PDB file of N, CA and C in Angstrom:
ATOM      1  N   MET A   1      57.997 100.000   9.656  1.00  0.00           N
ATOM      2  CA  MET A   1      58.117  98.920   8.690  1.00  0.00           C
ATOM      3  C   MET A   1      58.905  97.776   9.323  1.00  0.00           C
ATOM      4  N   ARG A   2      58.356  96.599   9.216  1.00  0.00           N
ATOM      5  CA  ARG A   2      58.995  95.389   9.733  1.00  0.00           C
ATOM      6  C   ARG A   2      59.288  95.473  11.222  1.00  0.00           C
ATOM      7  N   THR A   3      58.345  95.997  11.973  1.00  0.00           N
ATOM      8  CA  THR A   3      58.516  96.067  13.412  1.00  0.00           C
ATOM      9  C   THR A   3      57.823  94.877  14.058  1.00  0.00           C
ATOM     10  N   GLY A   4      58.407  94.341  15.097  1.00  0.00           N
ATOM     11  CA  GLY A   4      57.814  93.222  15.803  1.00  0.00           C
ATOM     12  C   GLY A   4      56.987  93.655  17.002  1.00  0.00           C
ATOM     13  N   TRP A   5      56.699  94.960  17.113  1.00  0.00           N
ATOM     14  CA  TRP A   5      56.010  95.477  18.287  1.00  0.00           C
ATOM     15  C   TRP A   5      54.711  94.731  18.562  1.00  0.00           C
ATOM     16  N   ALA A   6      53.908  94.446  17.559  1.00  0.00           N
ATOM     17  CA  ALA A   6      52.650  93.732  17.764  1.00  0.00           C
ATOM     18  C   ALA A   6      52.671  92.401  17.033  1.00  0.00           C
ATOM     19  N   GLY A   7      53.841  91.864  16.794  1.00  0.00           N
ATOM     20  CA  GLY A   7      53.928  90.660  15.986  1.00  0.00           C
ATOM     21  C   GLY A   7      54.370  89.424  16.744  1.00  0.00           C
ATOM     22  N   GLY A   8      53.952  89.293  17.980  1.00  0.00           N
ATOM     23  CA  GLY A   8      54.387  88.123  18.728  1.00  0.00           C
ATOM     24  C   GLY A   8      53.290  87.543  19.588  1.00  0.00           C
ATOM     25  N   PRO A   9      53.597  86.478  20.301  1.00  0.00           N
ATOM     26  CA  PRO A   9      52.587  85.823  21.127  1.00  0.00           C
ATOM     27  C   PRO A   9      52.240  86.634  22.374  1.00  0.00           C
ATOM     28  N   GLU A  10      51.059  86.341  22.915  1.00  0.00           N
ATOM     29  CA  GLU A  10      50.604  87.043  24.111  1.00  0.00           C
ATOM     30  C   GLU A  10      51.604  86.884  25.253  1.00  0.00           C
ATOM     31  N   PHE A  11      51.704  87.923  26.046  1.00  0.00           N
ATOM     32  CA  PHE A  11      52.596  88.009  27.216  1.00  0.00           C
ATOM     33  C   PHE A  11      54.077  88.035  26.854  1.00  0.00           C
ATOM     34  N   VAL A  12      54.416  88.077  25.559  1.00  0.00           N
ATOM     35  CA  VAL A  12      55.814  88.187  25.166  1.00  0.00           C
ATOM     36  C   VAL A  12      56.084  89.597  24.647  1.00  0.00           C
ATOM     37  N   THR A  13      55.392  90.025  23.592  1.00  0.00           N
ATOM     38  CA  THR A  13      55.586  91.372  23.073  1.00  0.00           C
ATOM     39  C   THR A  13      54.531  92.343  23.579  1.00  0.00           C
ATOM     40  N   GLN A  14      53.411  91.835  24.079  1.00  0.00           N
ATOM     41  CA  GLN A  14      52.355  92.692  24.630  1.00  0.00           C
ATOM     42  C   GLN A  14      51.350  91.829  25.383  1.00  0.00           C
ATOM     43  N   CYS A  15      50.506  92.466  26.176  1.00  0.00           N
ATOM     44  CA  CYS A  15      49.448  91.754  26.886  1.00  0.00           C
ATOM     45  C   CYS A  15      48.300  91.476  25.916  1.00  0.00           C
ATOM     46  N   PRO A  16      47.558  90.386  26.131  1.00  0.00           N
ATOM     47  CA  PRO A  16      46.420  90.102  25.258  1.00  0.00           C
ATOM     48  C   PRO A  16      45.326  91.154  25.438  1.00  0.00           C
ATOM     49  N   ILE A  17      44.486  91.290  24.426  1.00  0.00           N
ATOM     50  CA  ILE A  17      43.362  92.230  24.489  1.00  0.00           C
ATOM     51  C   ILE A  17      42.265  91.581  25.312  1.00  0.00           C
ATOM     52  N   ARG A  18      41.776  92.290  26.320  1.00  0.00           N
ATOM     53  CA  ARG A  18      40.740  91.740  27.192  1.00  0.00           C
ATOM     54  C   ARG A  18      39.420  91.596  26.451  1.00  0.00           C
ATOM     55  N   PRO A  19      38.584  90.644  26.852  1.00  0.00           N
ATOM     56  CA  PRO A  19      37.253  90.509  26.233  1.00  0.00           C
ATOM     57  C   PRO A  19      36.496  91.828  26.291  1.00  0.00           C
ATOM     58  N   GLY A  20      35.910  92.218  25.183  1.00  0.00           N
ATOM     59  CA  GLY A  20      35.185  93.483  25.112  1.00  0.00           C
ATOM     60  C   GLY A  20      36.085  94.688  24.889  1.00  0.00           C
ATOM     61  N   GLY A  21      37.396  94.468  24.877  1.00  0.00           N
ATOM     62  CA  GLY A  21      38.349  95.559  24.685  1.00  0.00           C
ATOM     63  C   GLY A  21      38.649  95.772  23.212  1.00  0.00           C
ATOM     64  N   SER A  22      39.525  96.694  22.938  1.00  0.00           N
ATOM     65  CA  SER A  22      39.936  96.948  21.561  1.00  0.00           C
ATOM     66  C   SER A  22      41.407  97.338  21.555  1.00  0.00           C
ATOM     67  N   TYR A  23      41.983  97.334  20.374  1.00  0.00           N
ATOM     68  CA  TYR A  23      43.392  97.658  20.216  1.00  0.00           C
ATOM     69  C   TYR A  23      43.588  98.294  18.849  1.00  0.00           C
ATOM     70  N   THR A  24      44.256  99.403  18.803  1.00  0.00           N
ATOM     71  CA  THR A  24      44.559 100.077  17.545  1.00  0.00           C
ATOM     72  C   THR A  24      46.070 100.098  17.378  1.00  0.00           C
ATOM     73  N   TYR A  25      46.527  99.640  16.246  1.00  0.00           N
ATOM     74  CA  TYR A  25      47.957  99.620  15.945  1.00  0.00           C
ATOM     75  C   TYR A  25      48.198 100.516  14.742  1.00  0.00           C
ATOM     76  N   CYS A  26      48.843 101.638  14.942  1.00  0.00           N
ATOM     77  CA  CYS A  26      49.133 102.581  13.858  1.00  0.00           C
ATOM     78  C   CYS A  26      50.537 102.297  13.333  1.00  0.00           C
ATOM     79  N   PHE A  27      50.663 102.218  12.032  1.00  0.00           N
ATOM     80  CA  PHE A  27      51.966 101.972  11.435  1.00  0.00           C
ATOM     81  C   PHE A  27      52.030 102.615  10.056  1.00  0.00           C
ATOM     82  N   THR A  28      53.229 102.814   9.558  1.00  0.00           N
ATOM     83  CA  THR A  28      53.460 103.430   8.259  1.00  0.00           C
ATOM     84  C   THR A  28      53.915 102.360   7.276  1.00  0.00           C
ATOM     85  N   ILE A  29      53.337 102.401   6.097  1.00  0.00           N
ATOM     86  CA  ILE A  29      53.729 101.473   5.041  1.00  0.00           C
ATOM     87  C   ILE A  29      54.415 102.291   3.954  1.00  0.00           C
ATOM     88  N   GLN A  30      55.640 101.923   3.625  1.00  0.00           N
ATOM     89  CA  GLN A  30      56.386 102.627   2.585  1.00  0.00           C
ATOM     90  C   GLN A  30      56.885 101.628   1.552  1.00  0.00           C
ATOM     91  N   GLY A  31      56.642 101.935   0.297  1.00  0.00           N
ATOM     92  CA  GLY A  31      57.183 101.123  -0.784  1.00  0.00           C
ATOM     93  C   GLY A  31      56.604  99.718  -0.865  1.00  0.00           C
ATOM     94  N   GLN A  32      55.426  99.517  -0.292  1.00  0.00           N
ATOM     95  CA  GLN A  32      54.805  98.203  -0.360  1.00  0.00           C
ATOM     96  C   GLN A  32      53.393  98.339  -0.894  1.00  0.00           C
ATOM     97  N   GLU A  33      52.949  97.377  -1.644  1.00  0.00           N
ATOM     98  CA  GLU A  33      51.566  97.296  -2.088  1.00  0.00           C
ATOM     99  C   GLU A  33      51.269  95.836  -2.360  1.00  0.00           C
ATOM    100  N   GLY A  34      50.021  95.493  -2.301  1.00  0.00           N
ATOM    101  CA  GLY A  34      49.622  94.100  -2.500  1.00  0.00           C
ATOM    102  C   GLY A  34      48.706  93.661  -1.379  1.00  0.00           C
ATOM    103  N   THR A  35      48.558  92.375  -1.215  1.00  0.00           N
ATOM    104  CA  THR A  35      47.683  91.828  -0.198  1.00  0.00           C
ATOM    105  C   THR A  35      48.510  91.052   0.816  1.00  0.00           C
ATOM    106  N   LEU A  36      48.386  91.433   2.032  1.00  0.00           N
ATOM    107  CA  LEU A  36      49.036  90.748   3.140  1.00  0.00           C
ATOM    108  C   LEU A  36      47.941  90.148   4.006  1.00  0.00           C
ATOM    109  N   TRP A  37      48.277  89.434   5.044  1.00  0.00           N
ATOM    110  CA  TRP A  37      47.255  88.918   5.939  1.00  0.00           C
ATOM    111  C   TRP A  37      47.715  89.069   7.373  1.00  0.00           C
ATOM    112  N   TRP A  38      46.769  89.135   8.249  1.00  0.00           N
ATOM    113  CA  TRP A  38      47.049  89.232   9.674  1.00  0.00           C
ATOM    114  C   TRP A  38      46.356  88.057  10.358  1.00  0.00           C
ATOM    115  N   HIS A  39      46.848  87.697  11.541  1.00  0.00           N
ATOM    116  CA  HIS A  39      46.241  86.612  12.304  1.00  0.00           C
ATOM    117  C   HIS A  39      46.523  86.792  13.790  1.00  0.00           C
ATOM    118  N   ALA A  40      45.720  86.158  14.601  1.00  0.00           N
ATOM    119  CA  ALA A  40      45.885  86.229  16.049  1.00  0.00           C
ATOM    120  C   ALA A  40      47.086  85.389  16.486  1.00  0.00           C
ATOM    121  N   HIS A  41      47.635  85.739  17.636  1.00  0.00           N
ATOM    122  CA  HIS A  41      48.758  84.985  18.203  1.00  0.00           C
ATOM    123  C   HIS A  41      48.390  84.441  19.575  1.00  0.00           C
ATOM    124  N   SER A  42      47.140  84.072  19.761  1.00  0.00           N
ATOM    125  CA  SER A  42      46.690  83.620  21.065  1.00  0.00           C
ATOM    126  C   SER A  42      46.067  82.233  20.952  1.00  0.00           C
ATOM    127  N   SER A  43      46.720  81.240  21.476  1.00  0.00           N
ATOM    128  CA  SER A  43      46.286  79.838  21.506  1.00  0.00           C
ATOM    129  C   SER A  43      45.538  79.439  20.235  1.00  0.00           C
ATOM    130  N   TRP A  44      44.325  78.951  20.349  1.00  0.00           N
ATOM    131  CA  TRP A  44      43.564  78.465  19.190  1.00  0.00           C
ATOM    132  C   TRP A  44      43.083  79.590  18.287  1.00  0.00           C
ATOM    133  N   LEU A  45      43.127  80.840  18.744  1.00  0.00           N
ATOM    134  CA  LEU A  45      42.650  81.950  17.911  1.00  0.00           C
ATOM    135  C   LEU A  45      43.475  82.139  16.650  1.00  0.00           C
ATOM    136  N   ARG A  46      44.734  81.743  16.679  1.00  0.00           N
ATOM    137  CA  ARG A  46      45.580  81.963  15.500  1.00  0.00           C
ATOM    138  C   ARG A  46      45.029  81.264  14.262  1.00  0.00           C
ATOM    139  N   ALA A  47      44.237  80.203  14.444  1.00  0.00           N
ATOM    140  CA  ALA A  47      43.652  79.497  13.311  1.00  0.00           C
ATOM    141  C   ALA A  47      42.260  80.006  12.959  1.00  0.00           C
ATOM    142  N   THR A  48      41.671  80.830  13.820  1.00  0.00           N
ATOM    143  CA  THR A  48      40.283  81.240  13.589  1.00  0.00           C
ATOM    144  C   THR A  48      40.086  82.741  13.454  1.00  0.00           C
ATOM    145  N   VAL A  49      41.047  83.533  13.852  1.00  0.00           N
ATOM    146  CA  VAL A  49      40.908  84.985  13.756  1.00  0.00           C
ATOM    147  C   VAL A  49      41.988  85.504  12.816  1.00  0.00           C
ATOM    148  N   TYR A  50      41.586  85.854  11.608  1.00  0.00           N
ATOM    149  CA  TYR A  50      42.537  86.324  10.606  1.00  0.00           C
ATOM    150  C   TYR A  50      41.799  87.148   9.564  1.00  0.00           C
ATOM    151  N   GLY A  51      42.530  87.865   8.737  1.00  0.00           N
ATOM    152  CA  GLY A  51      41.896  88.676   7.714  1.00  0.00           C
ATOM    153  C   GLY A  51      42.913  89.216   6.727  1.00  0.00           C
ATOM    154  N   ALA A  52      42.398  89.893   5.717  1.00  0.00           N
ATOM    155  CA  ALA A  52      43.241  90.462   4.665  1.00  0.00           C
ATOM    156  C   ALA A  52      43.590  91.907   4.994  1.00  0.00           C
ATOM    157  N   LEU A  53      44.774  92.308   4.622  1.00  0.00           N
ATOM    158  CA  LEU A  53      45.227  93.694   4.710  1.00  0.00           C
ATOM    159  C   LEU A  53      45.615  94.061   3.283  1.00  0.00           C
ATOM    160  N   ILE A  54      44.782  94.853   2.630  1.00  0.00           N
ATOM    161  CA  ILE A  54      44.976  95.178   1.216  1.00  0.00           C
ATOM    162  C   ILE A  54      45.601  96.564   1.106  1.00  0.00           C
ATOM    163  N   ILE A  55      46.756  96.641   0.465  1.00  0.00           N
ATOM    164  CA  ILE A  55      47.486  97.899   0.302  1.00  0.00           C
ATOM    165  C   ILE A  55      47.422  98.282  -1.167  1.00  0.00           C
ATOM    166  N   HIS A  56      46.635  99.308  -1.464  1.00  0.00           N
ATOM    167  CA  HIS A  56      46.494  99.796  -2.834  1.00  0.00           C
ATOM    168  C   HIS A  56      47.656 100.743  -3.168  1.00  0.00           C
ATOM    169  N   PRO A  57      47.953 100.936  -4.460  1.00  0.00           N
ATOM    170  CA  PRO A  57      48.991 101.892  -4.831  1.00  0.00           C
ATOM    171  C   PRO A  57      48.643 103.294  -4.314  1.00  0.00           C
ATOM    172  N   LYS A  58      49.664 104.086  -4.071  1.00  0.00           N
ATOM    173  CA  LYS A  58      49.478 105.454  -3.616  1.00  0.00           C
ATOM    174  C   LYS A  58      48.648 106.222  -4.636  1.00  0.00           C
ATOM    175  N   GLU A  59      47.813 107.106  -4.147  1.00  0.00           N
ATOM    176  CA  GLU A  59      46.968 107.894  -5.045  1.00  0.00           C
ATOM    177  C   GLU A  59      47.827 108.586  -6.096  1.00  0.00           C
ATOM    178  N   GLY A  60      47.451 108.423  -7.356  1.00  0.00           N
ATOM    179  CA  GLY A  60      48.211 109.001  -8.458  1.00  0.00           C
ATOM    180  C   GLY A  60      49.168 108.003  -9.101  1.00  0.00           C
ATOM    181  N   ASP A  61      49.515 106.925  -8.375  1.00  0.00           N
ATOM    182  CA  ASP A  61      50.365 105.872  -8.932  1.00  0.00           C
ATOM    183  C   ASP A  61      49.488 104.828  -9.605  1.00  0.00           C
ATOM    184  N   SER A  62      50.088 104.040 -10.471  1.00  0.00           N
ATOM    185  CA  SER A  62      49.319 102.995 -11.155  1.00  0.00           C
ATOM    186  C   SER A  62      49.725 101.628 -10.623  1.00  0.00           C
ATOM    187  N   TYR A  63      48.898 100.634 -10.920  1.00  0.00           N
ATOM    188  CA  TYR A  63      49.240  99.263 -10.579  1.00  0.00           C
ATOM    189  C   TYR A  63      50.416  98.829 -11.445  1.00  0.00           C
ATOM    190  N   PRO A  64      51.241  97.882 -10.985  1.00  0.00           N
ATOM    191  CA  PRO A  64      52.365  97.403 -11.808  1.00  0.00           C
ATOM    192  C   PRO A  64      51.905  96.423 -12.887  1.00  0.00           C
ATOM    193  N   PHE A  65      50.588  96.326 -13.088  1.00  0.00           N
ATOM    194  CA  PHE A  65      49.995  95.455 -14.096  1.00  0.00           C
ATOM    195  C   PHE A  65      48.687  96.113 -14.530  1.00  0.00           C
ATOM    196  N   THR A  66      48.015  95.546 -15.502  1.00  0.00           N
ATOM    197  CA  THR A  66      46.739  96.095 -15.939  1.00  0.00           C
ATOM    198  C   THR A  66      45.766  96.101 -14.763  1.00  0.00           C
ATOM    199  N   LYS A  67      45.135  97.242 -14.515  1.00  0.00           N
ATOM    200  CA  LYS A  67      44.221  97.355 -13.388  1.00  0.00           C
ATOM    201  C   LYS A  67      43.065  96.371 -13.560  1.00  0.00           C
ATOM    202  N   PRO A  68      42.772  95.568 -12.524  1.00  0.00           N
ATOM    203  CA  PRO A  68      41.681  94.603 -12.643  1.00  0.00           C
ATOM    204  C   PRO A  68      40.318  95.289 -12.748  1.00  0.00           C
ATOM    205  N   LYS A  69      39.382  94.611 -13.419  1.00  0.00           N
ATOM    206  CA  LYS A  69      38.037  95.173 -13.538  1.00  0.00           C
ATOM    207  C   LYS A  69      37.309  95.132 -12.214  1.00  0.00           C
ATOM    208  N   ARG A  70      37.634  94.146 -11.396  1.00  0.00           N
ATOM    209  CA  ARG A  70      37.037  94.058 -10.065  1.00  0.00           C
ATOM    210  C   ARG A  70      37.974  93.249  -9.175  1.00  0.00           C
ATOM    211  N   GLU A  71      37.837  93.449  -7.883  1.00  0.00           N
ATOM    212  CA  GLU A  71      38.654  92.718  -6.919  1.00  0.00           C
ATOM    213  C   GLU A  71      37.745  92.000  -5.933  1.00  0.00           C
ATOM    214  N   THR A  72      38.131  90.805  -5.557  1.00  0.00           N
ATOM    215  CA  THR A  72      37.406  90.025  -4.561  1.00  0.00           C
ATOM    216  C   THR A  72      38.409  89.475  -3.565  1.00  0.00           C
ATOM    217  N   THR A  73      38.170  89.718  -2.300  1.00  0.00           N
ATOM    218  CA  THR A  73      39.041  89.176  -1.266  1.00  0.00           C
ATOM    219  C   THR A  73      38.563  87.774  -0.919  1.00  0.00           C
ATOM    220  N   LEU A  74      39.473  86.814  -0.974  1.00  0.00           N
ATOM    221  CA  LEU A  74      39.136  85.425  -0.696  1.00  0.00           C
ATOM    222  C   LEU A  74      40.080  84.934   0.392  1.00  0.00           C
ATOM    223  N   LEU A  75      39.519  84.496   1.507  1.00  0.00           N
ATOM    224  CA  LEU A  75      40.325  83.952   2.596  1.00  0.00           C
ATOM    225  C   LEU A  75      40.023  82.472   2.742  1.00  0.00           C
ATOM    226  N   LEU A  76      41.043  81.666   2.800  1.00  0.00           N
ATOM    227  CA  LEU A  76      40.874  80.228   2.993  1.00  0.00           C
ATOM    228  C   LEU A  76      41.441  79.860   4.355  1.00  0.00           C
ATOM    229  N   GLY A  77      40.754  79.028   5.053  1.00  0.00           N
ATOM    230  CA  GLY A  77      41.226  78.588   6.367  1.00  0.00           C
ATOM    231  C   GLY A  77      40.731  77.197   6.662  1.00  0.00           C
ATOM    232  N   ASN A  78      41.281  76.597   7.688  1.00  0.00           N
ATOM    233  CA  ASN A  78      40.822  75.262   8.061  1.00  0.00           C
ATOM    234  C   ASN A  78      40.532  75.187   9.540  1.00  0.00           C
TER     235      ASN A  78
END
């Protein structure tokens, strides 16, 4: 939780991912739910490579509000 291991610019906290490569970042989320977002930290990619990270309540727990009838992820960018 709140680790900067993969949260910095290229060549500072880690090497960039090579073209055609992949990267898996495993982490534990405790006591958090909601919608967060992720983005690239490499030159112009930070404005073009991003997405939603949706954390649902733990199985068996309820939402802190009336459960929505449907959910839609909406990302805005420029």
